[in-house]
PDB file of N, CA and C in Angstrom:
ATOM      1  N   MET A   1      77.863  98.196 137.128  1.00  0.00           N
ATOM      2  CA  MET A   1      78.779  98.204 135.800  1.00  0.00           C
ATOM      3  C   MET A   1      80.019  97.437 135.845  1.00  0.00           C
ATOM      4  N   SER A   2      80.145  96.223 134.660  1.00  0.00           N
ATOM      5  CA  SER A   2      81.115  95.517 135.036  1.00  0.00           C
ATOM      6  C   SER A   2      82.479  96.143 134.285  1.00  0.00           C
ATOM      7  N   ALA A   3      83.527  95.066 134.557  1.00  0.00           N
ATOM      8  CA  ALA A   3      84.742  95.621 134.076  1.00  0.00           C
ATOM      9  C   ALA A   3      84.969  95.440 132.450  1.00  0.00           C
ATOM     10  N   HIS A   4      84.078  94.438 132.298  1.00  0.00           N
ATOM     11  CA  HIS A   4      84.261  94.031 130.814  1.00  0.00           C
ATOM     12  C   HIS A   4      83.560  95.086 129.632  1.00  0.00           C
ATOM     13  N   GLY A   5      82.565  96.159 130.339  1.00  0.00           N
ATOM     14  CA  GLY A   5      82.002  96.729 129.502  1.00  0.00           C
ATOM     15  C   GLY A   5      82.750  97.741 128.560  1.00  0.00           C
ATOM     16  N   PRO A   6      83.786  98.604 129.026  1.00  0.00           N
ATOM     17  CA  PRO A   6      84.547  99.287 128.003  1.00  0.00           C
ATOM     18  C   PRO A   6      85.467  98.447 126.946  1.00  0.00           C
ATOM     19  N   ILE A   7      85.749  97.148 127.447  1.00  0.00           N
ATOM     20  CA  ILE A   7      86.820  96.387 126.547  1.00  0.00           C
ATOM     21  C   ILE A   7      85.721  95.679 125.587  1.00  0.00           C
ATOM     22  N   LEU A   8      84.565  95.256 125.736  1.00  0.00           N
ATOM     23  CA  LEU A   8      83.624  94.851 125.012  1.00  0.00           C
ATOM     24  C   LEU A   8      83.093  95.875 123.847  1.00  0.00           C
ATOM     25  N   GLY A   9      82.928  96.973 124.492  1.00  0.00           N
ATOM     26  CA  GLY A   9      82.594  98.279 123.532  1.00  0.00           C
ATOM     27  C   GLY A   9      83.647  98.671 122.489  1.00  0.00           C
ATOM     28  N   ARG A  10      84.813  98.205 123.019  1.00  0.00           N
ATOM     29  CA  ARG A  10      86.109  98.746 122.210  1.00  0.00           C
ATOM     30  C   ARG A  10      86.162  97.776 121.277  1.00  0.00           C
ATOM     31  N   ALA A  11      86.239  96.493 121.548  1.00  0.00           N
ATOM     32  CA  ALA A  11      86.233  95.303 120.685  1.00  0.00           C
ATOM     33  C   ALA A  11      85.198  95.747 119.615  1.00  0.00           C
ATOM     34  N   LEU A  12      83.811  95.976 119.848  1.00  0.00           N
ATOM     35  CA  LEU A  12      82.758  95.935 118.990  1.00  0.00           C
ATOM     36  C   LEU A  12      83.274  97.331 117.955  1.00  0.00           C
ATOM     37  N   ARG A  13      83.771  98.169 118.777  1.00  0.00           N
ATOM     38  CA  ARG A  13      83.973  99.486 117.580  1.00  0.00           C
ATOM     39  C   ARG A  13      85.119  98.955 116.873  1.00  0.00           C
ATOM     40  N   ILE A  14      86.248  98.255 117.028  1.00  0.00           N
ATOM     41  CA  ILE A  14      87.160  97.789 116.300  1.00  0.00           C
ATOM     42  C   ILE A  14      86.321  97.166 115.161  1.00  0.00           C
ATOM     43  N   GLY A  15      85.659  96.110 115.571  1.00  0.00           N
ATOM     44  CA  GLY A  15      84.909  94.970 114.633  1.00  0.00           C
ATOM     45  C   GLY A  15      84.463  95.714 113.528  1.00  0.00           C
ATOM     46  N   LEU A  16      83.424  96.958 114.124  1.00  0.00           N
ATOM     47  CA  LEU A  16      82.855  97.476 113.223  1.00  0.00           C
ATOM     48  C   LEU A  16      83.541  98.288 111.980  1.00  0.00           C
ATOM     49  N   TYR A  17      84.757  99.191 112.576  1.00  0.00           N
ATOM     50  CA  TYR A  17      85.498  99.743 111.639  1.00  0.00           C
ATOM     51  C   TYR A  17      86.027  98.475 110.634  1.00  0.00           C
ATOM     52  N   ALA A  18      86.555  97.668 111.091  1.00  0.00           N
ATOM     53  CA  ALA A  18      87.461  96.512 110.300  1.00  0.00           C
ATOM     54  C   ALA A  18      86.443  95.753 109.332  1.00  0.00           C
ATOM     55  N   VAL A  19      85.154  95.773 109.791  1.00  0.00           N
ATOM     56  CA  VAL A  19      84.404  95.248 108.748  1.00  0.00           C
ATOM     57  C   VAL A  19      84.148  96.195 107.684  1.00  0.00           C
ATOM     58  N   MET A  20      83.912  97.557 108.005  1.00  0.00           N
ATOM     59  CA  MET A  20      83.240  98.652 106.857  1.00  0.00           C
ATOM     60  C   MET A  20      84.784  98.695 106.035  1.00  0.00           C
ATOM     61  N   GLY A  21      85.932  98.697 106.721  1.00  0.00           N
ATOM     62  CA  GLY A  21      86.689  99.050 105.717  1.00  0.00           C
ATOM     63  C   GLY A  21      87.131  97.915 105.041  1.00  0.00           C
ATOM     64  N   TRP A  22      86.919  96.736 105.278  1.00  0.00           N
ATOM     65  CA  TRP A  22      87.055  95.280 104.340  1.00  0.00           C
ATOM     66  C   TRP A  22      86.274  95.560 103.447  1.00  0.00           C
ATOM     67  N   LEU A  23      84.892  96.014 103.609  1.00  0.00           N
ATOM     68  CA  LEU A  23      83.991  95.957 102.802  1.00  0.00           C
ATOM     69  C   LEU A  23      84.183  97.371 101.591  1.00  0.00           C
ATOM     70  N   GLY A  24      84.362  98.284 102.115  1.00  0.00           N
ATOM     71  CA  GLY A  24      84.886  99.527 101.605  1.00  0.00           C
ATOM     72  C   GLY A  24      86.059  99.082 100.476  1.00  0.00           C
ATOM     73  N   LEU A  25      86.952  98.297 101.035  1.00  0.00           N
ATOM     74  CA  LEU A  25      88.127  98.255 100.260  1.00  0.00           C
ATOM     75  C   LEU A  25      87.914  97.252  98.957  1.00  0.00           C
ATOM     76  N   TYR A  26      86.997  96.180  99.206  1.00  0.00           N
ATOM     77  CA  TYR A  26      86.492  95.294  98.187  1.00  0.00           C
ATOM     78  C   TYR A  26      85.629  96.340  96.965  1.00  0.00           C
ATOM     79  N   GLY A  27      84.736  97.086  97.879  1.00  0.00           N
ATOM     80  CA  GLY A  27      83.898  97.874  96.951  1.00  0.00           C
ATOM     81  C   GLY A  27      84.724  98.859  95.881  1.00  0.00           C
ATOM     82  N   ILE A  28      85.850  99.167  96.562  1.00  0.00           N
ATOM     83  CA  ILE A  28      86.587 100.343  95.299  1.00  0.00           C
ATOM     84  C   ILE A  28      87.726  99.212  94.564  1.00  0.00           C
ATOM     85  N   ALA A  29      87.852  97.989  94.890  1.00  0.00           N
ATOM     86  CA  ALA A  29      88.821  97.146  94.123  1.00  0.00           C
ATOM     87  C   ALA A  29      88.424  96.743  93.149  1.00  0.00           C
ATOM     88  N   ILE A  30      86.822  96.468  93.096  1.00  0.00           N
ATOM     89  CA  ILE A  30      86.107  96.197  91.569  1.00  0.00           C
ATOM     90  C   ILE A  30      86.384  97.195  90.676  1.00  0.00           C
ATOM     91  N   PRO A  31      85.963  98.395  90.764  1.00  0.00           N
ATOM     92  CA  PRO A  31      86.159  99.362  89.578  1.00  0.00           C
ATOM     93  C   PRO A  31      87.692  99.614  89.494  1.00  0.00           C
ATOM     94  N   LEU A  32      88.241  99.528  90.417  1.00  0.00           N
ATOM     95  CA  LEU A  32      89.500 100.032  90.200  1.00  0.00           C
ATOM     96  C   LEU A  32      90.443  98.823  89.296  1.00  0.00           C
ATOM     97  N   PHE A  33      90.230  97.487  89.353  1.00  0.00           N
ATOM     98  CA  PHE A  33      90.792  96.420  88.674  1.00  0.00           C
ATOM     99  C   PHE A  33      90.120  96.397  87.144  1.00  0.00           C
ATOM    100  N   GLY A  34      88.407  96.877  87.315  1.00  0.00           N
ATOM    101  CA  GLY A  34      87.880  96.886  86.316  1.00  0.00           C
ATOM    102  C   GLY A  34      88.204  97.855  84.939  1.00  0.00           C
ATOM    103  N   TYR A  35      88.698  99.020  85.460  1.00  0.00           N
ATOM    104  CA  TYR A  35      89.327 100.199  84.763  1.00  0.00           C
ATOM    105  C   TYR A  35      90.572 100.161  84.334  1.00  0.00           C
ATOM    106  N   LEU A  36      91.262 100.112  85.280  1.00  0.00           N
ATOM    107  CA  LEU A  36      92.808 100.478  85.455  1.00  0.00           C
ATOM    108  C   LEU A  36      93.475  99.266  84.878  1.00  0.00           C
ATOM    109  N   SER A  37      92.703  97.828  85.278  1.00  0.00           N
ATOM    110  CA  SER A  37      93.490  96.386  85.005  1.00  0.00           C
ATOM    111  C   SER A  37      94.555  96.399  85.710  1.00  0.00           C
ATOM    112  N   TYR A  38      96.175  96.351  85.170  1.00  0.00           N
ATOM    113  CA  TYR A  38      96.937  96.057  85.810  1.00  0.00           C
ATOM    114  C   TYR A  38      97.544  97.199  86.608  1.00  0.00           C
ATOM    115  N   ILE A  39      97.493  98.247  85.976  1.00  0.00           N
ATOM    116  CA  ILE A  39      97.761  99.579  86.811  1.00  0.00           C
ATOM    117  C   ILE A  39      97.164  99.543  88.238  1.00  0.00           C
ATOM    118  N   GLY A  40      95.657  98.804  88.288  1.00  0.00           N
ATOM    119  CA  GLY A  40      95.076  98.699  89.449  1.00  0.00           C
ATOM    120  C   GLY A  40      95.599  98.012  90.675  1.00  0.00           C
ATOM    121  N   ALA A  41      96.341  96.875  89.686  1.00  0.00           N
ATOM    122  CA  ALA A  41      97.089  95.964  90.704  1.00  0.00           C
ATOM    123  C   ALA A  41      98.252  96.373  91.579  1.00  0.00           C
ATOM    124  N   LEU A  42      98.752  97.872  90.773  1.00  0.00           N
ATOM    125  CA  LEU A  42      99.855  98.410  91.387  1.00  0.00           C
ATOM    126  C   LEU A  42      99.676  99.405  92.378  1.00  0.00           C
ATOM    127  N   LEU A  43      98.410  99.929  92.263  1.00  0.00           N
ATOM    128  CA  LEU A  43      97.584 100.657  92.823  1.00  0.00           C
ATOM    129  C   LEU A  43      97.014 100.205  94.159  1.00  0.00           C
ATOM    130  N   PHE A  44      96.504  99.005  94.285  1.00  0.00           N
ATOM    131  CA  PHE A  44      95.700  98.339  95.347  1.00  0.00           C
ATOM    132  C   PHE A  44      96.575  98.269  96.736  1.00  0.00           C
ATOM    133  N   PRO A  45      97.834  98.179  96.728  1.00  0.00           N
ATOM    134  CA  PRO A  45      98.567  98.441  97.879  1.00  0.00           C
ATOM    135  C   PRO A  45      98.677  99.598  98.438  1.00  0.00           C
ATOM    136  N   LEU A  46      98.419 100.474  97.863  1.00  0.00           N
ATOM    137  CA  LEU A  46      98.495 102.105  98.330  1.00  0.00           C
ATOM    138  C   LEU A  46      96.739 102.208  98.887  1.00  0.00           C
ATOM    139  N   VAL A  47      96.137 101.773  98.021  1.00  0.00           N
ATOM    140  CA  VAL A  47      94.555 101.813  98.910  1.00  0.00           C
ATOM    141  C   VAL A  47      94.546 101.171 100.015  1.00  0.00           C
ATOM    142  N   GLY A  48      95.058  99.763 100.098  1.00  0.00           N
ATOM    143  CA  GLY A  48      95.149  98.864 101.022  1.00  0.00           C
ATOM    144  C   GLY A  48      95.874  99.852 102.425  1.00  0.00           C
ATOM    145  N   VAL A  49      96.918 100.473 102.325  1.00  0.00           N
ATOM    146  CA  VAL A  49      97.480 101.312 103.328  1.00  0.00           C
ATOM    147  C   VAL A  49      96.777 102.523 103.684  1.00  0.00           C
ATOM    148  N   ILE A  50      96.270 103.266 102.577  1.00  0.00           N
ATOM    149  CA  ILE A  50      95.479 104.298 102.994  1.00  0.00           C
ATOM    150  C   ILE A  50      94.163 103.731 103.852  1.00  0.00           C
ATOM    151  N   GLU A  51      93.565 102.764 103.479  1.00  0.00           N
ATOM    152  CA  GLU A  51      92.505 102.434 104.459  1.00  0.00           C
ATOM    153  C   GLU A  51      92.794 101.797 105.897  1.00  0.00           C
ATOM    154  N   VAL A  52      94.220 101.259 105.831  1.00  0.00           N
ATOM    155  CA  VAL A  52      94.713 101.063 107.243  1.00  0.00           C
ATOM    156  C   VAL A  52      94.818 102.328 108.056  1.00  0.00           C
ATOM    157  N   LEU A  53      95.465 103.093 107.543  1.00  0.00           N
ATOM    158  CA  LEU A  53      95.790 104.348 108.048  1.00  0.00           C
ATOM    159  C   LEU A  53      94.499 105.289 108.555  1.00  0.00           C
ATOM    160  N   GLY A  54      93.371 105.117 107.586  1.00  0.00           N
ATOM    161  CA  GLY A  54      92.208 105.719 107.909  1.00  0.00           C
ATOM    162  C   GLY A  54      91.587 105.158 109.095  1.00  0.00           C
ATOM    163  N   ALA A  55      91.690 103.736 109.103  1.00  0.00           N
ATOM    164  CA  ALA A  55      91.372 102.847 110.261  1.00  0.00           C
ATOM    165  C   ALA A  55      91.837 103.146 111.722  1.00  0.00           C
ATOM    166  N   VAL A  56      93.378 103.406 111.533  1.00  0.00           N
ATOM    167  CA  VAL A  56      93.927 103.978 112.800  1.00  0.00           C
ATOM    168  C   VAL A  56      93.770 105.308 113.147  1.00  0.00           C
ATOM    169  N   LEU A  57      93.693 106.117 112.070  1.00  0.00           N
ATOM    170  CA  LEU A  57      92.954 107.569 112.638  1.00  0.00           C
ATOM    171  C   LEU A  57      91.601 107.596 113.089  1.00  0.00           C
ATOM    172  N   ALA A  58      90.957 106.805 112.807  1.00  0.00           N
ATOM    173  CA  ALA A  58      89.385 106.993 113.401  1.00  0.00           C
ATOM    174  C   ALA A  58      89.377 106.293 114.291  1.00  0.00           C
ATOM    175  N   LEU A  59      90.290 105.419 114.811  1.00  0.00           N
ATOM    176  CA  LEU A  59      90.017 104.589 116.094  1.00  0.00           C
ATOM    177  C   LEU A  59      90.613 105.522 117.166  1.00  0.00           C
ATOM    178  N   THR A  60      91.837 106.044 116.868  1.00  0.00           N
ATOM    179  CA  THR A  60      92.800 106.947 117.850  1.00  0.00           C
ATOM    180  C   THR A  60      92.038 108.376 117.640  1.00  0.00           C
ATOM    181  N   LYS A  61      92.040 108.926 116.612  1.00  0.00           N
ATOM    182  CA  LYS A  61      91.555 110.759 117.148  1.00  0.00           C
ATOM    183  C   LYS A  61      90.146 110.432 117.099  1.00  0.00           C
ATOM    184  N   GLY A  62      89.078 109.616 116.545  1.00  0.00           N
ATOM    185  CA  GLY A  62      87.522 109.759 116.734  1.00  0.00           C
ATOM    186  C   GLY A  62      87.071 110.976 116.321  1.00  0.00           C
ATOM    187  N   GLY A  63      85.929 111.383 116.520  1.00  0.00           N
ATOM    188  CA  GLY A  63      85.554 112.683 116.176  1.00  0.00           C
ATOM    189  C   GLY A  63      85.215 112.589 114.420  1.00  0.00           C
ATOM    190  N   PRO A  64      85.537 113.679 113.773  1.00  0.00           N
ATOM    191  CA  PRO A  64      84.961 113.804 112.342  1.00  0.00           C
ATOM    192  C   PRO A  64      86.221 112.856 111.604  1.00  0.00           C
ATOM    193  N   TRP A  65      87.388 112.212 111.926  1.00  0.00           N
ATOM    194  CA  TRP A  65      88.031 111.446 111.266  1.00  0.00           C
ATOM    195  C   TRP A  65      87.108 110.039 111.489  1.00  0.00           C
ATOM    196  N   ALA A  66      86.659 109.507 112.496  1.00  0.00           N
ATOM    197  CA  ALA A  66      86.005 108.121 112.596  1.00  0.00           C
ATOM    198  C   ALA A  66      84.669 108.412 111.328  1.00  0.00           C
ATOM    199  N   TRP A  67      83.778 109.641 111.804  1.00  0.00           N
ATOM    200  CA  TRP A  67      82.574 109.522 110.833  1.00  0.00           C
ATOM    201  C   TRP A  67      83.143 109.807 109.053  1.00  0.00           C
ATOM    202  N   ALA A  68      84.275 110.351 108.906  1.00  0.00           N
ATOM    203  CA  ALA A  68      84.566 110.535 107.505  1.00  0.00           C
ATOM    204  C   ALA A  68      85.075 109.145 107.177  1.00  0.00           C
ATOM    205  N   TYR A  69      85.824 108.154 107.801  1.00  0.00           N
ATOM    206  CA  TYR A  69      86.290 106.893 107.628  1.00  0.00           C
ATOM    207  C   TYR A  69      84.803 105.954 107.376  1.00  0.00           C
ATOM    208  N   LEU A  70      84.022 105.974 108.260  1.00  0.00           N
ATOM    209  CA  LEU A  70      82.813 105.278 108.243  1.00  0.00           C
ATOM    210  C   LEU A  70      81.741 105.706 107.154  1.00  0.00           C
ATOM    211  N   LEU A  71      81.514 106.817 106.878  1.00  0.00           N
ATOM    212  CA  LEU A  71      80.872 107.482 105.886  1.00  0.00           C
ATOM    213  C   LEU A  71      81.392 107.398 104.542  1.00  0.00           C
ATOM    214  N   GLY A  72      82.652 107.067 104.310  1.00  0.00           N
ATOM    215  CA  GLY A  72      83.514 107.325 103.002  1.00  0.00           C
ATOM    216  C   GLY A  72      83.403 106.074 102.592  1.00  0.00           C
ATOM    217  N   ASN A  73      83.420 104.869 103.641  1.00  0.00           N
ATOM    218  CA  ASN A  73      83.279 103.410 103.289  1.00  0.00           C
ATOM    219  C   ASN A  73      81.651 103.175 102.740  1.00  0.00           C
ATOM    220  N   LEU A  74      80.880 103.787 103.540  1.00  0.00           N
ATOM    221  CA  LEU A  74      79.574 103.693 103.466  1.00  0.00           C
ATOM    222  C   LEU A  74      79.016 104.175 101.907  1.00  0.00           C
ATOM    223  N   GLY A  75      79.848 105.175 101.447  1.00  0.00           N
ATOM    224  CA  GLY A  75      79.544 105.875 100.370  1.00  0.00           C
ATOM    225  C   GLY A  75      80.000 105.291  98.897  1.00  0.00           C
ATOM    226  N   VAL A  76      80.909 104.450  99.289  1.00  0.00           N
ATOM    227  CA  VAL A  76      81.633 103.446  98.221  1.00  0.00           C
ATOM    228  C   VAL A  76      80.735 102.140  98.117  1.00  0.00           C
ATOM    229  N   LEU A  77      80.207 101.618  99.328  1.00  0.00           N
ATOM    230  CA  LEU A  77      79.209 100.532  99.346  1.00  0.00           C
ATOM    231  C   LEU A  77      78.082 100.947  98.565  1.00  0.00           C
ATOM    232  N   THR A  78      77.411 102.218  98.720  1.00  0.00           N
ATOM    233  CA  THR A  78      76.119 102.511  98.550  1.00  0.00           C
ATOM    234  C   THR A  78      76.299 102.699  96.770  1.00  0.00           C
ATOM    235  N   ALA A  79      77.377 103.189  96.443  1.00  0.00           N
ATOM    236  CA  ALA A  79      77.721 103.644  95.224  1.00  0.00           C
ATOM    237  C   ALA A  79      77.641 102.162  94.242  1.00  0.00           C
ATOM    238  N   THR A  80      78.555 101.362  95.010  1.00  0.00           N
ATOM    239  CA  THR A  80      78.467  99.712  94.588  1.00  0.00           C
ATOM    240  C   THR A  80      77.147  99.425  94.346  1.00  0.00           C
ATOM    241  N   PHE A  81      76.403  99.284  95.434  1.00  0.00           N
ATOM    242  CA  PHE A  81      75.176  98.446  95.245  1.00  0.00           C
ATOM    243  C   PHE A  81      74.260  99.272  94.452  1.00  0.00           C
ATOM    244  N   VAL A  82      74.240 100.446  94.107  1.00  0.00           N
ATOM    245  CA  VAL A  82      73.293 101.270  93.207  1.00  0.00           C
ATOM    246  C   VAL A  82      73.594 100.983  91.944  1.00  0.00           C
ATOM    247  N   VAL A  83      74.969 100.518  91.535  1.00  0.00           N
ATOM    248  CA  VAL A  83      75.540 100.018  90.150  1.00  0.00           C
ATOM    249  C   VAL A  83      75.117  98.844  89.971  1.00  0.00           C
ATOM    250  N   PHE A  84      75.287  97.886  91.035  1.00  0.00           N
ATOM    251  CA  PHE A  84      74.799  96.257  90.926  1.00  0.00           C
ATOM    252  C   PHE A  84      73.470  96.208  90.862  1.00  0.00           C
ATOM    253  N   ALA A  85      72.501  97.364  91.300  1.00  0.00           N
ATOM    254  CA  ALA A  85      71.146  96.995  90.976  1.00  0.00           C
ATOM    255  C   ALA A  85      70.683  97.702  89.723  1.00  0.00           C
ATOM    256  N   VAL A  86      71.235  98.819  89.148  1.00  0.00           N
ATOM    257  CA  VAL A  86      70.926  99.444  87.918  1.00  0.00           C
ATOM    258  C   VAL A  86      71.136  98.636  86.821  1.00  0.00           C
ATOM    259  N   VAL A  87      72.441  97.769  86.830  1.00  0.00           N
ATOM    260  CA  VAL A  87      72.893  96.925  85.606  1.00  0.00           C
ATOM    261  C   VAL A  87      71.817  95.869  85.461  1.00  0.00           C
ATOM    262  N   PRO A  88      71.588  95.160  86.290  1.00  0.00           N
ATOM    263  CA  PRO A  88      70.341  93.963  85.881  1.00  0.00           C
ATOM    264  C   PRO A  88      69.288  94.290  85.354  1.00  0.00           C
ATOM    265  N   VAL A  89      68.939  95.606  86.074  1.00  0.00           N
ATOM    266  CA  VAL A  89      67.613  96.248  85.469  1.00  0.00           C
ATOM    267  C   VAL A  89      67.967  96.799  83.821  1.00  0.00           C
ATOM    268  N   GLY A  90      68.981  97.274  83.651  1.00  0.00           N
ATOM    269  CA  GLY A  90      69.292  97.685  82.097  1.00  0.00           C
ATOM    270  C   GLY A  90      69.273  96.279  81.301  1.00  0.00           C
ATOM    271  N   VAL A  91      70.017  95.285  81.953  1.00  0.00           N
ATOM    272  CA  VAL A  91      70.347  94.082  80.792  1.00  0.00           C
ATOM    273  C   VAL A  91      68.832  93.553  80.617  1.00  0.00           C
ATOM    274  N   SER A  92      67.927  93.630  81.931  1.00  0.00           N
ATOM    275  CA  SER A  92      66.679  92.865  81.619  1.00  0.00           C
ATOM    276  C   SER A  92      65.800  93.577  80.362  1.00  0.00           C
ATOM    277  N   VAL A  93      66.004  94.805  80.241  1.00  0.00           N
ATOM    278  CA  VAL A  93      65.467  95.515  78.912  1.00  0.00           C
ATOM    279  C   VAL A  93      66.477  95.613  77.753  1.00  0.00           C
ATOM    280  N   HIS A  94      67.013  94.565  77.759  1.00  0.00           N
ATOM    281  CA  HIS A  94      68.033  94.293  76.426  1.00  0.00           C
ATOM    282  C   HIS A  94      68.915  95.624  76.189  1.00  0.00           C
ATOM    283  N   TRP A  95      69.426  96.306  77.265  1.00  0.00           N
ATOM    284  CA  TRP A  95      70.579  97.038  77.316  1.00  0.00           C
ATOM    285  C   TRP A  95      71.886  96.326  77.185  1.00  0.00           C
ATOM    286  N   GLN A  96      72.936  96.521  76.105  1.00  0.00           N
ATOM    287  CA  GLN A  96      73.950  95.745  76.186  1.00  0.00           C
ATOM    288  C   GLN A  96      75.258  96.581  76.617  1.00  0.00           C
ATOM    289  N   PRO A  97      75.414  96.587  77.975  1.00  0.00           N
ATOM    290  CA  PRO A  97      76.675  97.568  78.345  1.00  0.00           C
ATOM    291  C   PRO A  97      77.837  97.107  77.499  1.00  0.00           C
ATOM    292  N   ASN A  98      78.613  98.491  77.589  1.00  0.00           N
ATOM    293  CA  ASN A  98      79.751  98.422  76.942  1.00  0.00           C
ATOM    294  C   ASN A  98      80.698  98.801  78.068  1.00  0.00           C
ATOM    295  N   THR A  99      81.463  97.810  78.093  1.00  0.00           N
ATOM    296  CA  THR A  99      82.639  97.983  79.240  1.00  0.00           C
ATOM    297  C   THR A  99      83.769  99.295  79.142  1.00  0.00           C
ATOM    298  N   ALA A 100      83.939  99.579  77.663  1.00  0.00           N
ATOM    299  CA  ALA A 100      84.834 100.612  77.479  1.00  0.00           C
ATOM    300  C   ALA A 100      84.258 102.048  77.884  1.00  0.00           C
ATOM    301  N   ALA A 101      82.962 101.910  78.061  1.00  0.00           N
ATOM    302  CA  ALA A 101      82.210 103.216  78.546  1.00  0.00           C
ATOM    303  C   ALA A 101      81.635 103.163  80.078  1.00  0.00           C
ATOM    304  N   THR A 102      81.465 101.785  80.484  1.00  0.00           N
ATOM    305  CA  THR A 102      80.960 101.974  81.767  1.00  0.00           C
ATOM    306  C   THR A 102      82.121 101.537  82.844  1.00  0.00           C
ATOM    307  N   ALA A 103      83.224 101.005  82.674  1.00  0.00           N
ATOM    308  CA  ALA A 103      84.158 100.832  83.436  1.00  0.00           C
ATOM    309  C   ALA A 103      84.472 102.327  84.081  1.00  0.00           C
ATOM    310  N   PRO A 104      84.804 103.276  83.226  1.00  0.00           N
ATOM    311  CA  PRO A 104      85.328 104.614  83.798  1.00  0.00           C
ATOM    312  C   PRO A 104      84.170 105.241  84.939  1.00  0.00           C
ATOM    313  N   LEU A 105      82.782 104.949  84.091  1.00  0.00           N
ATOM    314  CA  LEU A 105      81.808 105.616  84.941  1.00  0.00           C
ATOM    315  C   LEU A 105      81.723 104.839  86.399  1.00  0.00           C
ATOM    316  N   TYR A 106      81.798 103.793  86.392  1.00  0.00           N
ATOM    317  CA  TYR A 106      81.715 102.979  87.375  1.00  0.00           C
ATOM    318  C   TYR A 106      82.847 103.348  88.456  1.00  0.00           C
ATOM    319  N   LEU A 107      84.030 103.447  88.113  1.00  0.00           N
ATOM    320  CA  LEU A 107      85.043 104.103  88.918  1.00  0.00           C
ATOM    321  C   LEU A 107      84.764 105.505  89.498  1.00  0.00           C
ATOM    322  N   ALA A 108      84.411 106.152  88.601  1.00  0.00           N
ATOM    323  CA  ALA A 108      84.018 107.706  88.726  1.00  0.00           C
ATOM    324  C   ALA A 108      82.778 107.844  89.771  1.00  0.00           C
ATOM    325  N   PHE A 109      81.868 107.074  89.510  1.00  0.00           N
ATOM    326  CA  PHE A 109      80.704 106.874  90.678  1.00  0.00           C
ATOM    327  C   PHE A 109      80.900 106.399  92.067  1.00  0.00           C
ATOM    328  N   THR A 110      81.830 105.344  92.241  1.00  0.00           N
ATOM    329  CA  THR A 110      82.211 105.220  93.608  1.00  0.00           C
ATOM    330  C   THR A 110      83.214 106.093  94.041  1.00  0.00           C
ATOM    331  N   SER A 111      84.167 106.635  93.208  1.00  0.00           N
ATOM    332  CA  SER A 111      84.955 107.500  93.914  1.00  0.00           C
ATOM    333  C   SER A 111      84.077 108.897  94.422  1.00  0.00           C
ATOM    334  N   LEU A 112      83.232 109.133  93.522  1.00  0.00           N
ATOM    335  CA  LEU A 112      82.107 110.230  93.941  1.00  0.00           C
ATOM    336  C   LEU A 112      81.443 109.687  95.262  1.00  0.00           C
ATOM    337  N   GLY A 113      81.176 108.613  95.509  1.00  0.00           N
ATOM    338  CA  GLY A 113      80.537 108.086  96.861  1.00  0.00           C
ATOM    339  C   GLY A 113      81.173 108.232  97.924  1.00  0.00           C
ATOM    340  N   LEU A 114      82.858 108.024  97.355  1.00  0.00           N
ATOM    341  CA  LEU A 114      83.724 108.140  98.906  1.00  0.00           C
ATOM    342  C   LEU A 114      84.072 109.567  98.985  1.00  0.00           C
ATOM    343  N   VAL A 115      83.961 110.392  97.982  1.00  0.00           N
ATOM    344  CA  VAL A 115      84.296 111.640  98.565  1.00  0.00           C
ATOM    345  C   VAL A 115      83.117 112.389  99.099  1.00  0.00           C
ATOM    346  N   LEU A 116      81.965 112.159  98.760  1.00  0.00           N
ATOM    347  CA  LEU A 116      80.790 112.509  99.146  1.00  0.00           C
ATOM    348  C   LEU A 116      80.717 112.249 100.694  1.00  0.00           C
ATOM    349  N   GLY A 117      81.216 111.101 101.280  1.00  0.00           N
ATOM    350  CA  GLY A 117      80.984 110.091 102.445  1.00  0.00           C
ATOM    351  C   GLY A 117      82.076 110.786 103.118  1.00  0.00           C
ATOM    352  N   ILE A 118      83.117 110.955 102.740  1.00  0.00           N
ATOM    353  CA  ILE A 118      84.359 111.791 103.553  1.00  0.00           C
ATOM    354  C   ILE A 118      83.759 113.068 103.949  1.00  0.00           C
ATOM    355  N   VAL A 119      83.361 113.923 102.772  1.00  0.00           N
ATOM    356  CA  VAL A 119      83.023 115.516 103.116  1.00  0.00           C
ATOM    357  C   VAL A 119      81.831 115.255 104.396  1.00  0.00           C
ATOM    358  N   ALA A 120      80.789 114.359 103.998  1.00  0.00           N
ATOM    359  CA  ALA A 120      79.856 114.557 105.032  1.00  0.00           C
ATOM    360  C   ALA A 120      80.386 114.112 106.652  1.00  0.00           C
ATOM    361  N   GLY A 121      81.365 113.304 106.592  1.00  0.00           N
ATOM    362  CA  GLY A 121      81.668 112.696 107.847  1.00  0.00           C
ATOM    363  C   GLY A 121      82.687 113.605 108.240  1.00  0.00           C
ATOM    364  N   ALA A 122      83.460 114.375 107.548  1.00  0.00           N
ATOM    365  CA  ALA A 122      84.239 115.592 108.232  1.00  0.00           C
ATOM    366  C   ALA A 122      83.256 116.790 108.695  1.00  0.00           C
ATOM    367  N   ARG A 123      82.194 116.928 108.464  1.00  0.00           N
ATOM    368  CA  ARG A 123      81.457 117.708 108.729  1.00  0.00           C
ATOM    369  C   ARG A 123      80.509 117.274 110.066  1.00  0.00           C
ATOM    370  N   MET A 124      80.579 116.254 110.381  1.00  0.00           N
ATOM    371  CA  MET A 124      79.715 115.247 111.478  1.00  0.00           C
ATOM    372  C   MET A 124      80.165 115.942 112.750  1.00  0.00           C
ATOM    373  N   ARG A 125      79.487 116.747 113.731  1.00  0.00           N
ATOM    374  CA  ARG A 125      80.294 116.859 114.957  1.00  0.00           C
ATOM    375  C   ARG A 125      79.204 116.173 116.122  1.00  0.00           C
ATOM    376  N   ARG A 126      78.544 114.994 115.864  1.00  0.00           N
ATOM    377  CA  ARG A 126      78.135 114.206 116.742  1.00  0.00           C
ATOM    378  C   ARG A 126      79.445 113.089 117.222  1.00  0.00           C
ATOM    379  N   PRO A 127      79.350 112.638 118.218  1.00  0.00           N
ATOM    380  CA  PRO A 127      80.264 111.406 118.879  1.00  0.00           C
ATOM    381  C   PRO A 127      79.922 110.453 117.614  1.00  0.00           C
ATOM    382  N   PRO A 128      81.175 109.595 117.508  1.00  0.00           N
ATOM    383  CA  PRO A 128      81.000 108.561 116.468  1.00  0.00           C
ATOM    384  C   PRO A 128      80.710 107.298 116.988  1.00  0.00           C
ATOM    385  N   PRO A 129      80.039 106.321 116.365  1.00  0.00           N
ATOM    386  CA  PRO A 129      79.767 105.299 116.851  1.00  0.00           C
ATOM    387  C   PRO A 129      80.679 104.189 117.553  1.00  0.00           C
TER     388      PRO A 129
END
């Protein structure tokens, strides 16, 4: 076993968490700005700080913190991709989306994905990736 094994493994883990955090941050930014408009711009730095704190806790504490971080971001991304898949199908059958009604639903749907991912991750007992 080489001495670079643990260092490379740690670097890959940090990279995985950074990519998941970055994608999750953008996944929540779209509905946050879409529904809250300028107030979303005021809240976005807070969301960024929460994301960084979550990554630090996930990398240092591990266990359920790491799973909650990863699955929470995965829940946001899954909700975002589901919405991005459903809307073109609806538009193709001549459904005209009303942004006054769909923007809060989109934020609620991505928030639900975040909460479900965090709850599932907090209950996970396996060692995190």
